[in-house]
Amino acid sequence: MNEAPKKWVYKSSTLLADLHNKLDPRRFYWITPTFSGIVGFVLGVNYGIPVIEEVVVVYDGAVVARPQGSRKTSIIGQYDDLVRSWKYLLSSAGLTVPEWMAAEALFAMRIGYVFETNA
């Protein structure tokens, strides 16, 4: 009897731990403190000071963030720049296909792909 070879599948706990390690902003010299906070927000970990608790993309493409423990928000950049930086981070991190898919899904869930972009 020929059995189909079993494909290796990540366990979700391993996948998220690998993403946390590979996307850790301390591994990349080019990441700004603000982008570190965004990466932490997407992954659900405390990267960056202050820790970002909420991110909203407004109609004109501005990205507005609210730090943890604050009621005030501030504009932290443009959506196109954020997506471009996110894609560059993913391509620089050496992710496997399942890791890349999980990272993109987390970004889509936490921030969203709201505008067509050429990034």
PDB file of N, CA and C in Angstrom:
ATOM      1  N   MET A   1       0.840  -1.177   0.000  1.00  0.00           N
ATOM      2  CA  MET A   1       0.000   0.000   0.000  1.00  0.00           C
ATOM      3  C   MET A   1       0.882   1.237   0.000  1.00  0.00           C
ATOM      4  N   ASN A   2       0.562   2.117  -0.882  1.00  0.00           N
ATOM      5  CA  ASN A   2       1.301   3.381  -0.944  1.00  0.00           C
ATOM      6  C   ASN A   2       0.589   4.437  -0.120  1.00  0.00           C
ATOM      7  N   GLU A   3       1.294   4.895   0.867  1.00  0.00           N
ATOM      8  CA  GLU A   3       0.743   5.987   1.664  1.00  0.00           C
ATOM      9  C   GLU A   3       1.322   7.291   1.165  1.00  0.00           C
ATOM     10  N   ALA A   4       0.497   8.279   1.136  1.00  0.00           N
ATOM     11  CA  ALA A   4       0.978   9.611   0.729  1.00  0.00           C
ATOM     12  C   ALA A   4       1.911  10.124   1.816  1.00  0.00           C
ATOM     13  N   PRO A   5       3.020  10.741   1.414  1.00  0.00           N
ATOM     14  CA  PRO A   5       3.929  11.276   2.426  1.00  0.00           C
ATOM     15  C   PRO A   5       3.245  12.377   3.229  1.00  0.00           C
ATOM     16  N   LYS A   6       3.513  12.369   4.509  1.00  0.00           N
ATOM     17  CA  LYS A   6       2.909  13.375   5.374  1.00  0.00           C
ATOM     18  C   LYS A   6       3.648  14.692   5.200  1.00  0.00           C
ATOM     19  N   LYS A   7       2.886  15.729   5.033  1.00  0.00           N
ATOM     20  CA  LYS A   7       3.484  17.052   4.927  1.00  0.00           C
ATOM     21  C   LYS A   7       3.722  17.580   6.328  1.00  0.00           C
ATOM     22  N   TRP A   8       4.851  18.255   6.467  1.00  0.00           N
ATOM     23  CA  TRP A   8       5.186  18.826   7.754  1.00  0.00           C
ATOM     24  C   TRP A   8       4.360  20.080   7.964  1.00  0.00           C
ATOM     25  N   VAL A   9       3.680  20.164   9.078  1.00  0.00           N
ATOM     26  CA  VAL A   9       2.798  21.288   9.364  1.00  0.00           C
ATOM     27  C   VAL A   9       3.222  21.922  10.682  1.00  0.00           C
ATOM     28  N   TYR A  10       3.215  23.245  10.704  1.00  0.00           N
ATOM     29  CA  TYR A  10       3.521  23.963  11.941  1.00  0.00           C
ATOM     30  C   TYR A  10       2.413  23.781  12.952  1.00  0.00           C
ATOM     31  N   LYS A  11       2.789  23.710  14.191  1.00  0.00           N
ATOM     32  CA  LYS A  11       1.819  23.883  15.253  1.00  0.00           C
ATOM     33  C   LYS A  11       1.684  25.380  15.451  1.00  0.00           C
ATOM     34  N   SER A  12       0.512  25.843  15.792  1.00  0.00           N
ATOM     35  CA  SER A  12       0.296  27.277  15.868  1.00  0.00           C
ATOM     36  C   SER A  12       1.202  27.940  16.905  1.00  0.00           C
ATOM     37  N   SER A  13       1.481  27.261  18.007  1.00  0.00           N
ATOM     38  CA  SER A  13       2.342  27.861  19.022  1.00  0.00           C
ATOM     39  C   SER A  13       3.771  28.018  18.510  1.00  0.00           C
ATOM     40  N   THR A  14       4.242  27.064  17.742  1.00  0.00           N
ATOM     41  CA  THR A  14       5.578  27.147  17.159  1.00  0.00           C
ATOM     42  C   THR A  14       5.631  28.244  16.107  1.00  0.00           C
ATOM     43  N   LEU A  15       4.600  28.346  15.308  1.00  0.00           N
ATOM     44  CA  LEU A  15       4.548  29.348  14.252  1.00  0.00           C
ATOM     45  C   LEU A  15       4.628  30.755  14.832  1.00  0.00           C
ATOM     46  N   LEU A  16       3.840  31.045  15.829  1.00  0.00           N
ATOM     47  CA  LEU A  16       3.868  32.385  16.426  1.00  0.00           C
ATOM     48  C   LEU A  16       5.191  32.670  17.123  1.00  0.00           C
ATOM     49  N   ALA A  17       5.748  31.670  17.785  1.00  0.00           N
ATOM     50  CA  ALA A  17       7.047  31.863  18.434  1.00  0.00           C
ATOM     51  C   ALA A  17       8.133  32.147  17.400  1.00  0.00           C
ATOM     52  N   ASP A  18       8.091  31.433  16.283  1.00  0.00           N
ATOM     53  CA  ASP A  18       9.054  31.681  15.208  1.00  0.00           C
ATOM     54  C   ASP A  18       8.877  33.074  14.629  1.00  0.00           C
ATOM     55  N   LEU A  19       7.629  33.507  14.464  1.00  0.00           N
ATOM     56  CA  LEU A  19       7.385  34.862  13.962  1.00  0.00           C
ATOM     57  C   LEU A  19       7.923  35.914  14.930  1.00  0.00           C
ATOM     58  N   HIS A  20       7.711  35.707  16.212  1.00  0.00           N
ATOM     59  CA  HIS A  20       8.220  36.656  17.206  1.00  0.00           C
ATOM     60  C   HIS A  20       9.737  36.757  17.136  1.00  0.00           C
ATOM     61  N   ASN A  21      10.394  35.619  16.962  1.00  0.00           N
ATOM     62  CA  ASN A  21      11.858  35.625  16.875  1.00  0.00           C
ATOM     63  C   ASN A  21      12.354  36.256  15.579  1.00  0.00           C
ATOM     64  N   LYS A  22      11.757  35.873  14.466  1.00  0.00           N
ATOM     65  CA  LYS A  22      12.248  36.346  13.174  1.00  0.00           C
ATOM     66  C   LYS A  22      11.899  37.803  12.892  1.00  0.00           C
ATOM     67  N   LEU A  23      10.786  38.292  13.438  1.00  0.00           N
ATOM     68  CA  LEU A  23      10.371  39.672  13.190  1.00  0.00           C
ATOM     69  C   LEU A  23      10.715  40.609  14.338  1.00  0.00           C
ATOM     70  N   ASP A  24      11.522  40.144  15.271  1.00  0.00           N
ATOM     71  CA  ASP A  24      11.938  40.982  16.395  1.00  0.00           C
ATOM     72  C   ASP A  24      12.680  42.211  15.859  1.00  0.00           C
ATOM     73  N   PRO A  25      12.185  43.416  16.136  1.00  0.00           N
ATOM     74  CA  PRO A  25      12.803  44.631  15.590  1.00  0.00           C
ATOM     75  C   PRO A  25      14.270  44.814  15.974  1.00  0.00           C
ATOM     76  N   ARG A  26      14.713  44.195  17.038  1.00  0.00           N
ATOM     77  CA  ARG A  26      16.118  44.331  17.438  1.00  0.00           C
ATOM     78  C   ARG A  26      17.066  43.651  16.461  1.00  0.00           C
ATOM     79  N   ARG A  27      16.544  42.801  15.590  1.00  0.00           N
ATOM     80  CA  ARG A  27      17.376  42.130  14.581  1.00  0.00           C
ATOM     81  C   ARG A  27      17.673  43.014  13.371  1.00  0.00           C
ATOM     82  N   PHE A  28      16.939  44.117  13.230  1.00  0.00           N
ATOM     83  CA  PHE A  28      17.040  44.944  12.027  1.00  0.00           C
ATOM     84  C   PHE A  28      17.433  46.359  12.417  1.00  0.00           C
ATOM     85  N   TYR A  29      18.568  46.805  11.918  1.00  0.00           N
ATOM     86  CA  TYR A  29      19.086  48.126  12.299  1.00  0.00           C
ATOM     87  C   TYR A  29      18.245  49.264  11.727  1.00  0.00           C
ATOM     88  N   TRP A  30      17.516  49.027  10.668  1.00  0.00           N
ATOM     89  CA  TRP A  30      16.802  50.089   9.965  1.00  0.00           C
ATOM     90  C   TRP A  30      15.431  50.399  10.544  1.00  0.00           C
ATOM     91  N   ILE A  31      14.947  49.602  11.470  1.00  0.00           N
ATOM     92  CA  ILE A  31      13.594  49.786  11.998  1.00  0.00           C
ATOM     93  C   ILE A  31      13.567  50.933  13.004  1.00  0.00           C
ATOM     94  N   THR A  32      12.625  51.849  12.805  1.00  0.00           N
ATOM     95  CA  THR A  32      12.454  52.979  13.716  1.00  0.00           C
ATOM     96  C   THR A  32      11.681  52.539  14.959  1.00  0.00           C
ATOM     97  N   PRO A  33      11.763  53.305  16.047  1.00  0.00           N
ATOM     98  CA  PRO A  33      10.976  52.967  17.234  1.00  0.00           C
ATOM     99  C   PRO A  33       9.467  52.925  16.954  1.00  0.00           C
ATOM    100  N   THR A  34       8.995  53.812  16.091  1.00  0.00           N
ATOM    101  CA  THR A  34       7.570  53.810  15.755  1.00  0.00           C
ATOM    102  C   THR A  34       7.184  52.529  15.026  1.00  0.00           C
ATOM    103  N   PHE A  35       8.005  52.117  14.061  1.00  0.00           N
ATOM    104  CA  PHE A  35       7.712  50.883  13.344  1.00  0.00           C
ATOM    105  C   PHE A  35       7.856  49.675  14.257  1.00  0.00           C
ATOM    106  N   SER A  36       8.754  49.738  15.230  1.00  0.00           N
ATOM    107  CA  SER A  36       8.856  48.662  16.229  1.00  0.00           C
ATOM    108  C   SER A  36       7.542  48.509  16.976  1.00  0.00           C
ATOM    109  N   GLY A  37       6.929  49.631  17.315  1.00  0.00           N
ATOM    110  CA  GLY A  37       5.632  49.588  17.984  1.00  0.00           C
ATOM    111  C   GLY A  37       4.560  48.981  17.104  1.00  0.00           C
ATOM    112  N   ILE A  38       4.601  49.285  15.808  1.00  0.00           N
ATOM    113  CA  ILE A  38       3.636  48.710  14.866  1.00  0.00           C
ATOM    114  C   ILE A  38       3.827  47.203  14.761  1.00  0.00           C
ATOM    115  N   VAL A  39       5.075  46.763  14.649  1.00  0.00           N
ATOM    116  CA  VAL A  39       5.365  45.326  14.578  1.00  0.00           C
ATOM    117  C   VAL A  39       4.847  44.636  15.845  1.00  0.00           C
ATOM    118  N   GLY A  40       5.094  45.248  16.991  1.00  0.00           N
ATOM    119  CA  GLY A  40       4.588  44.695  18.238  1.00  0.00           C
ATOM    120  C   GLY A  40       3.071  44.640  18.277  1.00  0.00           C
ATOM    121  N   PHE A  41       2.437  45.685  17.774  1.00  0.00           N
ATOM    122  CA  PHE A  41       0.975  45.711  17.726  1.00  0.00           C
ATOM    123  C   PHE A  41       0.444  44.579  16.861  1.00  0.00           C
ATOM    124  N   VAL A  42       1.047  44.379  15.699  1.00  0.00           N
ATOM    125  CA  VAL A  42       0.592  43.332  14.782  1.00  0.00           C
ATOM    126  C   VAL A  42       0.800  41.941  15.399  1.00  0.00           C
ATOM    127  N   LEU A  43       1.957  41.738  16.028  1.00  0.00           N
ATOM    128  CA  LEU A  43       2.274  40.422  16.595  1.00  0.00           C
ATOM    129  C   LEU A  43       1.683  40.200  17.979  1.00  0.00           C
ATOM    130  N   GLY A  44       1.214  41.262  18.615  1.00  0.00           N
ATOM    131  CA  GLY A  44       0.637  41.136  19.956  1.00  0.00           C
ATOM    132  C   GLY A  44       1.670  41.046  21.056  1.00  0.00           C
ATOM    133  N   VAL A  45       2.848  41.649  20.829  1.00  0.00           N
ATOM    134  CA  VAL A  45       3.901  41.677  21.844  1.00  0.00           C
ATOM    135  C   VAL A  45       4.321  43.124  22.083  1.00  0.00           C
ATOM    136  N   ASN A  46       5.031  43.359  23.170  1.00  0.00           N
ATOM    137  CA  ASN A  46       5.403  44.717  23.544  1.00  0.00           C
ATOM    138  C   ASN A  46       6.759  45.101  22.966  1.00  0.00           C
ATOM    139  N   TYR A  47       6.770  45.517  21.707  1.00  0.00           N
ATOM    140  CA  TYR A  47       7.959  46.088  21.104  1.00  0.00           C
ATOM    141  C   TYR A  47       7.722  47.589  21.020  1.00  0.00           C
ATOM    142  N   GLY A  48       8.774  48.348  21.207  1.00  0.00           N
ATOM    143  CA  GLY A  48       8.665  49.798  21.059  1.00  0.00           C
ATOM    144  C   GLY A  48       8.205  50.477  22.322  1.00  0.00           C
ATOM    145  N   ILE A  49       8.584  51.722  22.436  1.00  0.00           N
ATOM    146  CA  ILE A  49       8.172  52.556  23.563  1.00  0.00           C
ATOM    147  C   ILE A  49       7.617  53.830  22.971  1.00  0.00           C
ATOM    148  N   PRO A  50       6.402  54.188  23.192  1.00  0.00           N
ATOM    149  CA  PRO A  50       5.403  53.471  23.984  1.00  0.00           C
ATOM    150  C   PRO A  50       4.801  52.301  23.212  1.00  0.00           C
ATOM    151  N   VAL A  51       4.179  51.411  23.939  1.00  0.00           N
ATOM    152  CA  VAL A  51       3.499  50.266  23.337  1.00  0.00           C
ATOM    153  C   VAL A  51       2.228  50.782  22.673  1.00  0.00           C
ATOM    154  N   ILE A  52       2.015  50.390  21.428  1.00  0.00           N
ATOM    155  CA  ILE A  52       0.834  50.844  20.681  1.00  0.00           C
ATOM    156  C   ILE A  52      -0.336  49.920  20.971  1.00  0.00           C
ATOM    157  N   GLU A  53      -1.449  50.532  21.339  1.00  0.00           N
ATOM    158  CA  GLU A  53      -2.632  49.764  21.704  1.00  0.00           C
ATOM    159  C   GLU A  53      -3.682  49.731  20.588  1.00  0.00           C
ATOM    160  N   GLU A  54      -3.700  50.760  19.744  1.00  0.00           N
ATOM    161  CA  GLU A  54      -4.713  50.823  18.688  1.00  0.00           C
ATOM    162  C   GLU A  54      -4.135  51.547  17.472  1.00  0.00           C
ATOM    163  N   VAL A  55      -4.449  51.031  16.294  1.00  0.00           N
ATOM    164  CA  VAL A  55      -4.027  51.647  15.040  1.00  0.00           C
ATOM    165  C   VAL A  55      -5.251  51.751  14.137  1.00  0.00           C
ATOM    166  N   VAL A  56      -5.420  52.934  13.538  1.00  0.00           N
ATOM    167  CA  VAL A  56      -6.533  53.172  12.618  1.00  0.00           C
ATOM    168  C   VAL A  56      -5.978  53.848  11.374  1.00  0.00           C
ATOM    169  N   VAL A  57      -6.456  53.408  10.218  1.00  0.00           N
ATOM    170  CA  VAL A  57      -6.108  54.058   8.957  1.00  0.00           C
ATOM    171  C   VAL A  57      -7.311  54.907   8.558  1.00  0.00           C
ATOM    172  N   VAL A  58      -7.088  56.213   8.385  1.00  0.00           N
ATOM    173  CA  VAL A  58      -8.187  57.112   8.046  1.00  0.00           C
ATOM    174  C   VAL A  58      -8.290  57.272   6.534  1.00  0.00           C
ATOM    175  N   TYR A  59      -9.337  57.930   6.103  1.00  0.00           N
ATOM    176  CA  TYR A  59      -9.687  57.992   4.685  1.00  0.00           C
ATOM    177  C   TYR A  59      -8.601  58.561   3.785  1.00  0.00           C
ATOM    178  N   ASP A  60      -7.767  59.454   4.274  1.00  0.00           N
ATOM    179  CA  ASP A  60      -6.736  60.062   3.419  1.00  0.00           C
ATOM    180  C   ASP A  60      -5.420  59.294   3.445  1.00  0.00           C
ATOM    181  N   GLY A  61      -5.394  58.139   4.101  1.00  0.00           N
ATOM    182  CA  GLY A  61      -4.197  57.305   4.120  1.00  0.00           C
ATOM    183  C   GLY A  61      -3.280  57.543   5.296  1.00  0.00           C
ATOM    184  N   ALA A  62      -3.679  58.404   6.217  1.00  0.00           N
ATOM    185  CA  ALA A  62      -2.867  58.627   7.409  1.00  0.00           C
ATOM    186  C   ALA A  62      -3.078  57.475   8.390  1.00  0.00           C
ATOM    187  N   VAL A  63      -2.011  57.096   9.071  1.00  0.00           N
ATOM    188  CA  VAL A  63      -2.080  56.051  10.090  1.00  0.00           C
ATOM    189  C   VAL A  63      -2.071  56.734  11.453  1.00  0.00           C
ATOM    190  N   VAL A  64      -3.104  56.486  12.231  1.00  0.00           N
ATOM    191  CA  VAL A  64      -3.265  57.097  13.541  1.00  0.00           C
ATOM    192  C   VAL A  64      -3.113  56.007  14.593  1.00  0.00           C
ATOM    193  N   ALA A  65      -2.298  56.271  15.612  1.00  0.00           N
ATOM    194  CA  ALA A  65      -2.049  55.275  16.668  1.00  0.00           C
ATOM    195  C   ALA A  65      -2.349  55.871  18.028  1.00  0.00           C
ATOM    196  N   ARG A  66      -2.765  54.991  18.943  1.00  0.00           N
ATOM    197  CA  ARG A  66      -2.983  55.386  20.330  1.00  0.00           C
ATOM    198  C   ARG A  66      -2.082  54.541  21.215  1.00  0.00           C
ATOM    199  N   PRO A  67      -1.196  55.199  21.980  1.00  0.00           N
ATOM    200  CA  PRO A  67      -0.323  54.449  22.887  1.00  0.00           C
ATOM    201  C   PRO A  67      -1.117  53.831  24.041  1.00  0.00           C
ATOM    202  N   GLN A  68      -0.553  52.800  24.602  1.00  0.00           N
ATOM    203  CA  GLN A  68      -1.175  52.111  25.728  1.00  0.00           C
ATOM    204  C   GLN A  68      -1.294  53.064  26.911  1.00  0.00           C
ATOM    205  N   GLY A  69      -2.471  53.102  27.521  1.00  0.00           N
ATOM    206  CA  GLY A  69      -2.699  53.921  28.699  1.00  0.00           C
ATOM    207  C   GLY A  69      -2.975  55.386  28.401  1.00  0.00           C
ATOM    208  N   SER A  70      -3.217  55.720  27.150  1.00  0.00           N
ATOM    209  CA  SER A  70      -3.468  57.105  26.775  1.00  0.00           C
ATOM    210  C   SER A  70      -4.790  57.208  26.034  1.00  0.00           C
ATOM    211  N   ARG A  71      -5.410  58.386  26.105  1.00  0.00           N
ATOM    212  CA  ARG A  71      -6.611  58.635  25.330  1.00  0.00           C
ATOM    213  C   ARG A  71      -6.305  59.414  24.064  1.00  0.00           C
ATOM    214  N   LYS A  72      -5.116  59.978  23.994  1.00  0.00           N
ATOM    215  CA  LYS A  72      -4.735  60.792  22.848  1.00  0.00           C
ATOM    216  C   LYS A  72      -4.166  59.923  21.735  1.00  0.00           C
ATOM    217  N   THR A  73      -4.457  60.328  20.510  1.00  0.00           N
ATOM    218  CA  THR A  73      -3.915  59.648  19.340  1.00  0.00           C
ATOM    219  C   THR A  73      -2.996  60.604  18.597  1.00  0.00           C
ATOM    220  N   SER A  74      -2.158  60.036  17.774  1.00  0.00           N
ATOM    221  CA  SER A  74      -1.295  60.867  16.945  1.00  0.00           C
ATOM    222  C   SER A  74      -1.082  60.190  15.603  1.00  0.00           C
ATOM    223  N   ILE A  75      -0.841  61.012  14.591  1.00  0.00           N
ATOM    224  CA  ILE A  75      -0.562  60.494  13.258  1.00  0.00           C
ATOM    225  C   ILE A  75       0.892  60.033  13.245  1.00  0.00           C
ATOM    226  N   ILE A  76       1.106  58.785  12.872  1.00  0.00           N
ATOM    227  CA  ILE A  76       2.470  58.245  12.894  1.00  0.00           C
ATOM    228  C   ILE A  76       3.048  58.022  11.508  1.00  0.00           C
ATOM    229  N   GLY A  77       2.267  58.269  10.463  1.00  0.00           N
ATOM    230  CA  GLY A  77       2.790  58.104   9.117  1.00  0.00           C
ATOM    231  C   GLY A  77       1.696  57.880   8.109  1.00  0.00           C
ATOM    232  N   GLN A  78       2.117  57.511   6.915  1.00  0.00           N
ATOM    233  CA  GLN A  78       1.198  57.233   5.821  1.00  0.00           C
ATOM    234  C   GLN A  78       1.054  55.723   5.622  1.00  0.00           C
ATOM    235  N   TYR A  79      -0.134  55.325   5.214  1.00  0.00           N
ATOM    236  CA  TYR A  79      -0.437  53.907   5.045  1.00  0.00           C
ATOM    237  C   TYR A  79       0.478  53.249   4.013  1.00  0.00           C
ATOM    238  N   ASP A  80       0.717  53.913   2.885  1.00  0.00           N
ATOM    239  CA  ASP A  80       1.581  53.332   1.852  1.00  0.00           C
ATOM    240  C   ASP A  80       2.979  53.050   2.389  1.00  0.00           C
ATOM    241  N   ASP A  81       3.517  53.963   3.184  1.00  0.00           N
ATOM    242  CA  ASP A  81       4.837  53.762   3.784  1.00  0.00           C
ATOM    243  C   ASP A  81       4.829  52.594   4.763  1.00  0.00           C
ATOM    244  N   LEU A  82       3.737  52.483   5.524  1.00  0.00           N
ATOM    245  CA  LEU A  82       3.616  51.385   6.482  1.00  0.00           C
ATOM    246  C   LEU A  82       3.599  50.037   5.771  1.00  0.00           C
ATOM    247  N   VAL A  83       2.807  49.912   4.713  1.00  0.00           N
ATOM    248  CA  VAL A  83       2.730  48.654   3.975  1.00  0.00           C
ATOM    249  C   VAL A  83       4.081  48.337   3.334  1.00  0.00           C
ATOM    250  N   ARG A  84       4.724  49.346   2.770  1.00  0.00           N
ATOM    251  CA  ARG A  84       6.038  49.145   2.135  1.00  0.00           C
ATOM    252  C   ARG A  84       7.051  48.650   3.170  1.00  0.00           C
ATOM    253  N   SER A  85       7.063  49.266   4.346  1.00  0.00           N
ATOM    254  CA  SER A  85       7.988  48.841   5.405  1.00  0.00           C
ATOM    255  C   SER A  85       7.663  47.433   5.878  1.00  0.00           C
ATOM    256  N   TRP A  86       6.387  47.101   5.993  1.00  0.00           N
ATOM    257  CA  TRP A  86       5.979  45.759   6.425  1.00  0.00           C
ATOM    258  C   TRP A  86       6.449  44.704   5.429  1.00  0.00           C
ATOM    259  N   LYS A  87       6.226  44.968   4.137  1.00  0.00           N
ATOM    260  CA  LYS A  87       6.651  44.015   3.114  1.00  0.00           C
ATOM    261  C   LYS A  87       8.178  43.859   3.105  1.00  0.00           C
ATOM    262  N   TYR A  88       8.893  44.970   3.307  1.00  0.00           N
ATOM    263  CA  TYR A  88      10.351  44.905   3.344  1.00  0.00           C
ATOM    264  C   TYR A  88      10.819  44.100   4.559  1.00  0.00           C
ATOM    265  N   LEU A  89      10.161  44.288   5.697  1.00  0.00           N
ATOM    266  CA  LEU A  89      10.500  43.512   6.891  1.00  0.00           C
ATOM    267  C   LEU A  89      10.299  42.024   6.635  1.00  0.00           C
ATOM    268  N   LEU A  90       9.174  41.664   6.045  1.00  0.00           N
ATOM    269  CA  LEU A  90       8.904  40.248   5.778  1.00  0.00           C
ATOM    270  C   LEU A  90       9.926  39.656   4.820  1.00  0.00           C
ATOM    271  N   SER A  91      10.304  40.414   3.807  1.00  0.00           N
ATOM    272  CA  SER A  91      11.281  39.885   2.854  1.00  0.00           C
ATOM    273  C   SER A  91      12.679  39.819   3.449  1.00  0.00           C
ATOM    274  N   SER A  92      12.964  40.644   4.449  1.00  0.00           N
ATOM    275  CA  SER A  92      14.285  40.651   5.091  1.00  0.00           C
ATOM    276  C   SER A  92      14.430  39.600   6.184  1.00  0.00           C
ATOM    277  N   ALA A  93      13.314  39.074   6.670  1.00  0.00           N
ATOM    278  CA  ALA A  93      13.341  38.218   7.857  1.00  0.00           C
ATOM    279  C   ALA A  93      13.632  36.757   7.563  1.00  0.00           C
ATOM    280  N   GLY A  94      13.599  36.345   6.307  1.00  0.00           N
ATOM    281  CA  GLY A  94      13.852  34.945   5.981  1.00  0.00           C
ATOM    282  C   GLY A  94      12.736  34.026   6.428  1.00  0.00           C
ATOM    283  N   LEU A  95      11.503  34.438   6.202  1.00  0.00           N
ATOM    284  CA  LEU A  95      10.352  33.651   6.628  1.00  0.00           C
ATOM    285  C   LEU A  95      10.080  32.493   5.679  1.00  0.00           C
ATOM    286  N   THR A  96       9.547  31.424   6.226  1.00  0.00           N
ATOM    287  CA  THR A  96       9.043  30.330   5.407  1.00  0.00           C
ATOM    288  C   THR A  96       7.672  30.746   4.863  1.00  0.00           C
ATOM    289  N   VAL A  97       7.139  29.974   3.941  1.00  0.00           N
ATOM    290  CA  VAL A  97       5.838  30.298   3.360  1.00  0.00           C
ATOM    291  C   VAL A  97       4.734  30.325   4.424  1.00  0.00           C
ATOM    292  N   PRO A  98       4.627  29.335   5.304  1.00  0.00           N
ATOM    293  CA  PRO A  98       3.587  29.419   6.340  1.00  0.00           C
ATOM    294  C   PRO A  98       3.779  30.620   7.274  1.00  0.00           C
ATOM    295  N   GLU A  99       5.034  30.948   7.592  1.00  0.00           N
ATOM    296  CA  GLU A  99       5.288  32.112   8.448  1.00  0.00           C
ATOM    297  C   GLU A  99       4.871  33.394   7.744  1.00  0.00           C
ATOM    298  N   TRP A 100       5.203  33.498   6.448  1.00  0.00           N
ATOM    299  CA  TRP A 100       4.838  34.684   5.669  1.00  0.00           C
ATOM    300  C   TRP A 100       3.314  34.837   5.638  1.00  0.00           C
ATOM    301  N   MET A 101       2.624  33.733   5.392  1.00  0.00           N
ATOM    302  CA  MET A 101       1.157  33.772   5.337  1.00  0.00           C
ATOM    303  C   MET A 101       0.559  34.174   6.676  1.00  0.00           C
ATOM    304  N   ALA A 102       1.116  33.657   7.753  1.00  0.00           N
ATOM    305  CA  ALA A 102       0.613  34.011   9.077  1.00  0.00           C
ATOM    306  C   ALA A 102       0.868  35.478   9.387  1.00  0.00           C
ATOM    307  N   ALA A 103       2.047  35.978   9.014  1.00  0.00           N
ATOM    308  CA  ALA A 103       2.368  37.386   9.249  1.00  0.00           C
ATOM    309  C   ALA A 103       1.438  38.298   8.455  1.00  0.00           C
ATOM    310  N   GLU A 104       1.182  37.943   7.202  1.00  0.00           N
ATOM    311  CA  GLU A 104       0.266  38.740   6.385  1.00  0.00           C
ATOM    312  C   GLU A 104      -1.155  38.695   6.951  1.00  0.00           C
ATOM    313  N   ALA A 105      -1.568  37.530   7.434  1.00  0.00           N
ATOM    314  CA  ALA A 105      -2.897  37.407   8.026  1.00  0.00           C
ATOM    315  C   ALA A 105      -3.017  38.255   9.289  1.00  0.00           C
ATOM    316  N   LEU A 106      -1.975  38.263  10.120  1.00  0.00           N
ATOM    317  CA  LEU A 106      -1.995  39.093  11.315  1.00  0.00           C
ATOM    318  C   LEU A 106      -2.067  40.575  10.960  1.00  0.00           C
ATOM    319  N   PHE A 107      -1.294  40.997   9.956  1.00  0.00           N
ATOM    320  CA  PHE A 107      -1.336  42.393   9.522  1.00  0.00           C
ATOM    321  C   PHE A 107      -2.734  42.751   9.014  1.00  0.00           C
ATOM    322  N   ALA A 108      -3.303  41.876   8.190  1.00  0.00           N
ATOM    323  CA  ALA A 108      -4.634  42.130   7.649  1.00  0.00           C
ATOM    324  C   ALA A 108      -5.682  42.190   8.754  1.00  0.00           C
ATOM    325  N   MET A 109      -5.543  41.363   9.770  1.00  0.00           N
ATOM    326  CA  MET A 109      -6.503  41.327  10.866  1.00  0.00           C
ATOM    327  C   MET A 109      -6.355  42.542  11.783  1.00  0.00           C
ATOM    328  N   ARG A 110      -5.119  42.923  12.101  1.00  0.00           N
ATOM    329  CA  ARG A 110      -4.894  43.993  13.079  1.00  0.00           C
ATOM    330  C   ARG A 110      -4.955  45.392  12.470  1.00  0.00           C
ATOM    331  N   ILE A 111      -4.462  45.562  11.235  1.00  0.00           N
ATOM    332  CA  ILE A 111      -4.436  46.881  10.600  1.00  0.00           C
ATOM    333  C   ILE A 111      -5.306  46.886   9.358  1.00  0.00           C
ATOM    334  N   GLY A 112      -5.134  45.907   8.501  1.00  0.00           N
ATOM    335  CA  GLY A 112      -5.956  45.776   7.303  1.00  0.00           C
ATOM    336  C   GLY A 112      -5.257  46.257   6.058  1.00  0.00           C
ATOM    337  N   TYR A 113      -5.649  45.690   4.955  1.00  0.00           N
ATOM    338  CA  TYR A 113      -5.223  46.164   3.645  1.00  0.00           C
ATOM    339  C   TYR A 113      -6.411  46.945   3.093  1.00  0.00           C
ATOM    340  N   VAL A 114      -6.351  48.264   3.219  1.00  0.00           N
ATOM    341  CA  VAL A 114      -7.530  49.078   2.939  1.00  0.00           C
ATOM    342  C   VAL A 114      -7.461  49.836   1.626  1.00  0.00           C
ATOM    343  N   PHE A 115      -6.265  50.096   1.129  1.00  0.00           N
ATOM    344  CA  PHE A 115      -6.120  50.816  -0.130  1.00  0.00           C
ATOM    345  C   PHE A 115      -5.294  49.959  -1.076  1.00  0.00           C
ATOM    346  N   GLU A 116      -5.496  50.173  -2.363  1.00  0.00           N
ATOM    347  CA  GLU A 116      -4.611  49.517  -3.320  1.00  0.00           C
ATOM    348  C   GLU A 116      -3.274  50.210  -3.259  1.00  0.00           C
ATOM    349  N   THR A 117      -2.212  49.448  -3.126  1.00  0.00           N
ATOM    350  CA  THR A 117      -0.885  50.022  -3.008  1.00  0.00           C
ATOM    351  C   THR A 117       0.077  49.293  -3.920  1.00  0.00           C
ATOM    352  N   ASN A 118       1.107  49.968  -4.327  1.00  0.00           N
ATOM    353  CA  ASN A 118       2.111  49.367  -5.198  1.00  0.00           C
ATOM    354  C   ASN A 118       3.305  48.855  -4.427  1.00  0.00           C
ATOM    355  N   ALA A 119       3.182  48.719  -3.124  1.00  0.00           N
ATOM    356  CA  ALA A 119       4.322  48.292  -2.295  1.00  0.00           C
ATOM    357  C   ALA A 119       4.683  46.863  -2.552  1.00  0.00           C
TER     358      ALA A 119
END
